[in-house]
Amino acid sequence: MIEAVCAEVGESYEEVSIVGDADLEQRFANEIPVTFVDGRQHDFWRVSPVRLRAALRGR
């Protein structure tokens, strides 16, 4: 879904694994998946395509 929304609005995305990174594991283990837009946490647990689309278009 993230890939489809990004393609629709012409944005790229990067998937990052928290496995093996103690800091990321500690910060985000209970919030997977976590999405960030422009370096700020946007959503976690459930990613809403409507909210993600709006955030990416509002940049």
N, C-alpha and C. Protein backbone atom coordinates (compact mmCIF):
# COMPACT_ATOMS: atom_id res chain seq x y z
N MET A 1 0.81 -1.18 0.00
CA MET A 1 0.00 0.00 0.00
C MET A 1 0.86 1.25 0.00
N ILE A 2 1.92 1.29 0.79
CA ILE A 2 2.80 2.45 0.81
C ILE A 2 3.42 2.66 -0.56
N GLU A 3 3.88 1.58 -1.17
CA GLU A 3 4.47 1.66 -2.50
C GLU A 3 3.47 2.24 -3.50
N ALA A 4 2.24 1.79 -3.45
CA ALA A 4 1.21 2.25 -4.39
C ALA A 4 0.90 3.73 -4.18
N VAL A 5 0.78 4.17 -2.94
CA VAL A 5 0.48 5.58 -2.67
C VAL A 5 1.65 6.46 -3.12
N CYS A 6 2.86 6.05 -2.83
CA CYS A 6 4.03 6.83 -3.25
C CYS A 6 4.10 6.93 -4.77
N ALA A 7 3.84 5.84 -5.46
CA ALA A 7 3.85 5.86 -6.93
C ALA A 7 2.76 6.79 -7.46
N GLU A 8 1.62 6.76 -6.84
CA GLU A 8 0.49 7.59 -7.26
C GLU A 8 0.81 9.08 -7.17
N VAL A 9 1.52 9.48 -6.12
CA VAL A 9 1.82 10.90 -5.92
C VAL A 9 3.22 11.29 -6.40
N GLY A 10 3.95 10.32 -6.97
CA GLY A 10 5.27 10.61 -7.53
C GLY A 10 6.37 10.78 -6.50
N GLU A 11 6.26 10.09 -5.40
CA GLU A 11 7.27 10.16 -4.34
C GLU A 11 7.97 8.81 -4.20
N SER A 12 9.18 8.85 -3.70
CA SER A 12 9.90 7.61 -3.42
C SER A 12 9.81 7.33 -1.92
N TYR A 13 10.18 6.12 -1.55
CA TYR A 13 10.20 5.77 -0.13
C TYR A 13 11.35 4.82 0.12
N GLU A 14 11.74 4.72 1.37
CA GLU A 14 12.80 3.81 1.78
C GLU A 14 12.28 2.96 2.93
N GLU A 15 12.43 1.65 2.79
CA GLU A 15 12.05 0.74 3.86
C GLU A 15 13.29 0.46 4.70
N VAL A 16 13.18 0.62 6.00
CA VAL A 16 14.30 0.44 6.92
C VAL A 16 13.94 -0.64 7.92
N SER A 17 14.83 -1.61 8.09
CA SER A 17 14.63 -2.66 9.08
C SER A 17 15.21 -2.21 10.41
N ILE A 18 14.49 -2.48 11.49
CA ILE A 18 15.01 -2.15 12.81
C ILE A 18 15.87 -3.28 13.38
N VAL A 19 15.84 -4.44 12.73
CA VAL A 19 16.57 -5.61 13.21
C VAL A 19 18.07 -5.34 13.23
N GLY A 20 18.68 -5.56 14.37
CA GLY A 20 20.12 -5.38 14.50
C GLY A 20 20.54 -3.98 14.88
N ASP A 21 19.60 -3.06 14.96
CA ASP A 21 19.91 -1.69 15.37
C ASP A 21 19.25 -1.48 16.73
N ALA A 22 20.05 -1.55 17.78
CA ALA A 22 19.52 -1.51 19.15
C ALA A 22 18.68 -0.27 19.41
N ASP A 23 19.11 0.87 18.91
CA ASP A 23 18.36 2.11 19.13
C ASP A 23 16.99 2.05 18.46
N LEU A 24 16.95 1.64 17.19
CA LEU A 24 15.68 1.56 16.48
C LEU A 24 14.77 0.49 17.08
N GLU A 25 15.35 -0.64 17.48
CA GLU A 25 14.55 -1.69 18.11
C GLU A 25 13.91 -1.18 19.39
N GLN A 26 14.66 -0.47 20.20
CA GLN A 26 14.14 0.05 21.46
C GLN A 26 13.04 1.09 21.21
N ARG A 27 13.25 1.96 20.25
CA ARG A 27 12.30 3.05 19.99
C ARG A 27 11.02 2.61 19.29
N PHE A 28 11.12 1.63 18.37
CA PHE A 28 9.99 1.35 17.50
C PHE A 28 9.46 -0.08 17.51
N ALA A 29 10.00 -0.95 18.33
CA ALA A 29 9.59 -2.36 18.32
C ALA A 29 8.09 -2.54 18.51
N ASN A 30 7.47 -1.70 19.29
CA ASN A 30 6.04 -1.82 19.57
C ASN A 30 5.16 -0.97 18.66
N GLU A 31 5.74 -0.38 17.63
CA GLU A 31 4.99 0.52 16.75
C GLU A 31 5.06 0.12 15.28
N ILE A 32 5.49 -1.08 14.98
CA ILE A 32 5.67 -1.52 13.60
C ILE A 32 4.32 -1.73 12.94
N PRO A 33 4.11 -1.28 11.73
CA PRO A 33 5.01 -0.46 10.94
C PRO A 33 4.94 1.01 11.38
N VAL A 34 6.03 1.70 11.17
CA VAL A 34 6.12 3.13 11.47
C VAL A 34 6.40 3.84 10.16
N THR A 35 5.69 4.92 9.91
CA THR A 35 5.98 5.71 8.72
C THR A 35 6.43 7.10 9.13
N PHE A 36 7.37 7.62 8.35
CA PHE A 36 7.88 8.97 8.54
C PHE A 36 7.69 9.73 7.25
N VAL A 37 7.35 11.00 7.36
CA VAL A 37 7.28 11.89 6.20
C VAL A 37 8.15 13.09 6.54
N ASP A 38 9.13 13.35 5.69
CA ASP A 38 10.08 14.45 5.90
C ASP A 38 10.77 14.36 7.26
N GLY A 39 11.13 13.13 7.67
CA GLY A 39 11.88 12.94 8.89
C GLY A 39 11.07 12.98 10.17
N ARG A 40 9.77 13.18 10.06
CA ARG A 40 8.91 13.23 11.24
C ARG A 40 7.96 12.03 11.24
N GLN A 41 7.75 11.45 12.42
CA GLN A 41 6.87 10.29 12.50
C GLN A 41 5.47 10.69 12.08
N HIS A 42 4.92 9.92 11.16
CA HIS A 42 3.61 10.23 10.60
C HIS A 42 2.53 9.28 11.14
N ASP A 43 2.78 8.00 11.14
CA ASP A 43 1.79 7.00 11.55
C ASP A 43 2.50 5.78 12.10
N PHE A 44 1.77 4.96 12.84
CA PHE A 44 2.30 3.66 13.26
C PHE A 44 1.14 2.70 13.46
N TRP A 45 1.44 1.43 13.56
CA TRP A 45 0.51 0.30 13.66
C TRP A 45 -0.29 0.13 12.38
N ARG A 46 -1.15 1.06 12.08
CA ARG A 46 -1.93 1.00 10.84
C ARG A 46 -1.62 2.23 10.01
N VAL A 47 -1.33 2.00 8.76
CA VAL A 47 -1.02 3.11 7.87
C VAL A 47 -2.26 3.38 7.03
N SER A 48 -2.76 4.58 7.14
CA SER A 48 -3.94 4.98 6.38
C SER A 48 -3.51 5.53 5.02
N PRO A 49 -3.96 4.93 3.93
CA PRO A 49 -3.60 5.46 2.62
C PRO A 49 -4.10 6.89 2.42
N VAL A 50 -5.25 7.21 2.97
CA VAL A 50 -5.79 8.57 2.84
C VAL A 50 -4.89 9.58 3.55
N ARG A 51 -4.50 9.27 4.78
CA ARG A 51 -3.63 10.18 5.54
C ARG A 51 -2.24 10.28 4.90
N LEU A 52 -1.70 9.15 4.45
CA LEU A 52 -0.38 9.17 3.83
C LEU A 52 -0.40 9.99 2.54
N ARG A 53 -1.39 9.77 1.72
CA ARG A 53 -1.54 10.52 0.47
C ARG A 53 -1.62 12.03 0.76
N ALA A 54 -2.43 12.40 1.72
CA ALA A 54 -2.58 13.82 2.08
C ALA A 54 -1.27 14.41 2.59
N ALA A 55 -0.55 13.65 3.41
CA ALA A 55 0.72 14.14 3.95
C ALA A 55 1.75 14.33 2.84
N LEU A 56 1.80 13.39 1.90
CA LEU A 56 2.77 13.50 0.81
C LEU A 56 2.40 14.63 -0.15
N ARG A 57 1.15 14.83 -0.40
CA ARG A 57 0.73 15.91 -1.30
C ARG A 57 0.87 17.28 -0.64
N GLY A 58 0.81 17.33 0.67
CA GLY A 58 0.89 18.60 1.38
C GLY A 58 2.30 19.07 1.66
N ARG A 59 3.28 18.43 1.09
CA ARG A 59 4.68 18.78 1.34
C ARG A 59 5.04 20.09 0.73
